[in-house]
Amino acid sequence: MARRPRGLSEDEKMLWKKVADNTERLHPIRKEKDPVTPETVFQPPKLPEVKQPRFRIGQTAKPRSNLHDLAPTMAEQVAAQHVAMDRKTFGKMKKGRLSPEARIDLHGMTMARAHPVLLRFILDAVAAERRLVLVITGKGKHRDDGGPIPVHHGVLRHQVPHWLHMSPLKQHVLQITEAHLKHGGQGAYYVYLRRLR
């Protein structure tokens, strides 16, 4: 059975009081903290109210007159190029009065096959000092499936002018234009080459 702790006797209490009265406190008595009041809790400053007018997405956008404004056709792009060659010669070429000195038919070739063939043909024509050559691409088949994105037909017809405006051919090509009907019309291009210096 556990023993009950005995209490202090009167003599022991008096002795303890004498000791406590003759000692100095090591640490000052701490003041009790004030209880937290709503004033002492941090409150963010109130931001000034800014009244904004109601906003609707697109309200400042300019209305478009034609929602179906597609990119110009390749014929329009080629026709829009400025005339870099002699205008009189250009007029004769457009009317089919100049005969091409060489021709190549890319019709039916894949793009992977047609590009190196065109490259070799133009560089050979430059080496032979020819000025007017005819590149036949074909008009292409109309394969638009009616989807939301318009599909250009005649892949080579659209790609050949880009190839002619890229290195290493662009330094040799002076003018590109759609051929006259007797030389293929929309399915062919006249390529007028620069003179070798």
Protein backbone atom coordinates (compact mmCIF):
# COMPACT_ATOMS: atom_id res chain seq x y z
CA MET A 1 0.00 0.00 0.00
CA ALA A 2 1.42 3.40 -1.01
CA ARG A 3 2.42 5.79 1.75
CA ARG A 4 0.73 9.14 1.93
CA PRO A 5 3.13 12.05 1.55
CA ARG A 6 3.60 13.84 4.83
CA GLY A 7 3.08 17.59 4.95
CA LEU A 8 5.64 20.14 6.16
CA SER A 9 5.83 20.78 9.87
CA GLU A 10 5.51 24.30 11.27
CA ASP A 11 9.27 24.49 11.92
CA GLU A 12 10.02 23.52 8.34
CA LYS A 13 7.61 26.13 7.01
CA MET A 14 9.24 28.89 9.08
CA LEU A 15 12.70 27.84 7.98
CA TRP A 16 11.64 27.90 4.32
CA LYS A 17 10.09 31.37 4.73
CA LYS A 18 13.41 32.76 6.19
CA VAL A 19 15.36 31.33 3.25
CA ALA A 20 12.89 32.69 0.69
CA ASP A 21 12.93 36.18 2.27
CA ASN A 22 16.75 36.44 2.07
CA THR A 23 17.10 35.43 -1.59
CA GLU A 24 17.03 37.60 -4.73
CA ARG A 25 15.05 36.62 -7.78
CA LEU A 26 17.24 35.68 -10.77
CA HIS A 27 14.68 36.64 -13.39
CA PRO A 28 12.34 39.59 -13.17
CA ILE A 29 8.68 38.84 -12.84
CA ARG A 30 7.17 38.54 -16.25
CA LYS A 31 4.14 40.55 -17.02
CA GLU A 32 1.32 38.50 -18.28
CA LYS A 33 0.50 39.11 -21.88
CA ASP A 34 -2.65 40.98 -22.60
CA PRO A 35 -5.30 38.77 -24.06
CA VAL A 36 -5.58 39.02 -27.83
CA THR A 37 -8.16 41.57 -28.72
CA PRO A 38 -9.61 42.23 -32.20
CA GLU A 39 -7.54 45.46 -32.32
CA THR A 40 -4.23 43.59 -31.95
CA VAL A 41 -4.98 41.04 -34.73
CA PHE A 42 -3.42 42.07 -38.08
CA GLN A 43 -5.98 43.31 -40.50
CA PRO A 44 -5.00 43.97 -44.11
CA PRO A 45 -5.58 47.53 -45.29
CA LYS A 46 -8.78 48.14 -47.12
CA LEU A 47 -8.24 48.69 -50.83
CA PRO A 48 -10.10 51.54 -52.46
CA GLU A 49 -13.07 50.45 -54.45
CA VAL A 50 -12.57 50.91 -58.19
CA LYS A 51 -15.70 50.81 -60.23
CA GLN A 52 -15.06 49.09 -63.56
CA PRO A 53 -17.53 49.19 -66.40
CA ARG A 54 -18.92 45.83 -67.38
CA PHE A 55 -16.64 44.07 -69.85
CA ARG A 56 -17.61 41.66 -72.58
CA ILE A 57 -14.97 39.61 -74.44
CA GLY A 58 -14.47 40.95 -77.94
CA GLN A 59 -16.40 44.18 -77.37
CA THR A 60 -13.57 46.33 -78.77
CA ALA A 61 -12.69 44.01 -81.67
CA LYS A 62 -13.29 45.39 -85.13
CA PRO A 63 -15.95 43.48 -87.02
CA ARG A 64 -14.61 41.54 -89.99
CA SER A 65 -16.37 42.20 -93.22
CA ASN A 66 -15.65 38.80 -94.74
CA LEU A 67 -15.35 35.81 -92.42
CA HIS A 68 -14.30 33.52 -95.27
CA ASP A 69 -11.37 35.55 -96.54
CA LEU A 70 -9.10 32.75 -97.72
CA ALA A 71 -5.46 33.02 -98.70
CA PRO A 72 -4.98 34.05 -102.32
CA THR A 73 -4.65 31.26 -104.83
CA MET A 74 -1.23 30.44 -106.21
CA ALA A 75 -2.19 32.04 -109.53
CA GLU A 76 -3.09 35.26 -107.67
CA GLN A 77 0.17 35.18 -105.68
CA VAL A 78 2.29 34.67 -108.80
CA ALA A 79 0.35 37.35 -110.70
CA ALA A 80 0.82 39.82 -107.83
CA GLN A 81 4.63 39.65 -108.03
CA HIS A 82 6.30 42.77 -109.39
CA VAL A 83 7.82 42.51 -112.85
CA ALA A 84 11.59 42.20 -112.40
CA MET A 85 12.42 41.56 -116.06
CA ASP A 86 12.07 43.75 -119.17
CA ARG A 87 8.37 44.68 -119.44
CA LYS A 88 8.23 44.27 -123.21
CA THR A 89 9.72 40.76 -123.00
CA PHE A 90 7.40 39.99 -120.08
CA GLY A 91 4.37 41.00 -122.17
CA LYS A 92 5.45 38.74 -125.04
CA MET A 93 6.06 35.86 -122.63
CA LYS A 94 2.60 36.23 -121.02
CA LYS A 95 0.95 36.19 -124.45
CA GLY A 96 2.76 32.99 -125.40
CA ARG A 97 4.83 34.66 -128.13
CA LEU A 98 8.16 33.49 -126.66
CA SER A 99 9.02 29.83 -127.06
CA PRO A 100 10.53 28.09 -124.01
CA GLU A 101 14.09 26.89 -124.63
CA ALA A 102 13.58 23.83 -122.40
CA ARG A 103 10.69 22.16 -120.61
CA ILE A 104 10.17 19.65 -117.83
CA ASP A 105 7.02 17.74 -116.93
CA LEU A 106 6.63 17.11 -113.19
CA HIS A 107 3.00 16.07 -113.59
CA GLY A 108 2.25 12.87 -111.66
CA MET A 109 5.46 12.95 -109.58
CA THR A 110 5.49 12.94 -105.80
CA MET A 111 6.91 15.99 -104.03
CA ALA A 112 9.90 13.96 -102.87
CA ARG A 113 10.69 13.00 -106.48
CA ALA A 114 9.75 16.33 -108.12
CA HIS A 115 11.94 18.61 -105.97
CA PRO A 116 15.36 17.16 -106.90
CA VAL A 117 14.26 16.81 -110.56
CA LEU A 118 13.27 20.50 -110.68
CA LEU A 119 16.49 21.51 -108.96
CA ARG A 120 18.64 19.61 -111.47
CA PHE A 121 16.61 20.94 -114.43
CA ILE A 122 16.95 24.62 -113.44
CA LEU A 123 20.68 24.33 -112.64
CA ASP A 124 21.29 22.58 -115.99
CA ALA A 125 19.33 25.33 -117.80
CA VAL A 126 21.46 27.99 -116.05
CA ALA A 127 24.65 26.16 -117.03
CA ALA A 128 23.43 25.99 -120.65
CA GLU A 129 22.67 29.78 -120.51
CA ARG A 130 18.96 29.33 -121.26
CA ARG A 131 16.66 32.21 -120.32
CA LEU A 132 13.07 30.91 -120.62
CA VAL A 133 12.10 27.44 -119.44
CA LEU A 134 8.69 25.82 -118.93
CA VAL A 135 7.85 23.82 -115.81
CA ILE A 136 4.71 21.69 -116.22
CA THR A 137 3.04 20.80 -112.90
CA GLY A 138 -0.47 19.84 -113.96
CA LYS A 139 -3.59 21.50 -112.55
CA GLY A 140 -4.14 18.81 -109.93
CA LYS A 141 -7.33 17.00 -108.97
CA HIS A 142 -9.98 18.67 -106.88
CA ARG A 143 -10.07 16.69 -103.62
CA ASP A 144 -11.82 19.08 -101.22
CA ASP A 145 -13.80 16.88 -98.84
CA GLY A 146 -16.08 19.69 -97.65
CA GLY A 147 -14.35 20.08 -94.26
CA PRO A 148 -13.95 23.39 -92.42
CA ILE A 149 -10.41 23.95 -93.73
CA PRO A 150 -10.17 24.58 -97.46
CA VAL A 151 -7.89 22.15 -99.29
CA HIS A 152 -5.79 23.37 -102.20
CA HIS A 153 -5.71 21.06 -105.15
CA GLY A 154 -2.62 20.72 -107.30
CA VAL A 155 0.10 20.13 -104.72
CA LEU A 156 2.97 20.59 -107.19
CA ARG A 157 1.31 23.66 -108.70
CA HIS A 158 1.44 25.27 -105.25
CA GLN A 159 4.84 23.95 -104.26
CA VAL A 160 6.94 24.72 -107.36
CA PRO A 161 6.91 28.55 -106.90
CA HIS A 162 8.06 28.08 -103.28
CA TRP A 163 10.92 25.85 -104.40
CA LEU A 164 11.92 28.39 -107.05
CA HIS A 165 12.07 31.14 -104.41
CA MET A 166 14.31 29.08 -102.11
CA SER A 167 18.07 28.57 -102.22
CA PRO A 168 19.87 27.57 -104.37
CA LEU A 169 17.38 28.39 -107.17
CA LYS A 170 16.26 31.88 -106.08
CA GLN A 171 19.56 33.45 -107.17
CA HIS A 172 19.00 32.19 -110.73
CA VAL A 173 15.26 32.91 -111.12
CA LEU A 174 14.30 36.38 -112.29
CA GLN A 175 10.57 35.90 -112.89
CA ILE A 176 7.87 33.24 -112.49
CA THR A 177 4.48 33.52 -114.13
CA GLU A 178 1.64 31.28 -115.16
CA ALA A 179 2.06 29.91 -118.68
CA HIS A 180 -0.08 30.88 -121.66
CA LEU A 181 -2.84 28.42 -122.62
CA LYS A 182 -0.86 27.07 -125.55
CA HIS A 183 1.95 26.11 -123.15
CA GLY A 184 -0.25 24.60 -120.42
CA GLY A 185 -2.10 27.52 -118.81
CA GLN A 186 -2.72 27.03 -115.08
CA GLY A 187 -0.90 23.71 -115.12
CA ALA A 188 2.49 25.19 -116.05
CA TYR A 189 4.86 28.05 -115.20
CA TYR A 190 7.21 30.14 -117.28
CA VAL A 191 10.49 30.52 -115.41
CA TYR A 192 12.68 33.34 -116.71
CA LEU A 193 16.30 32.93 -115.63
CA ARG A 194 18.97 35.56 -114.93
CA ARG A 195 21.97 35.91 -117.17
CA LEU A 196 25.18 34.39 -115.91
CA ARG A 197 27.71 37.09 -115.13
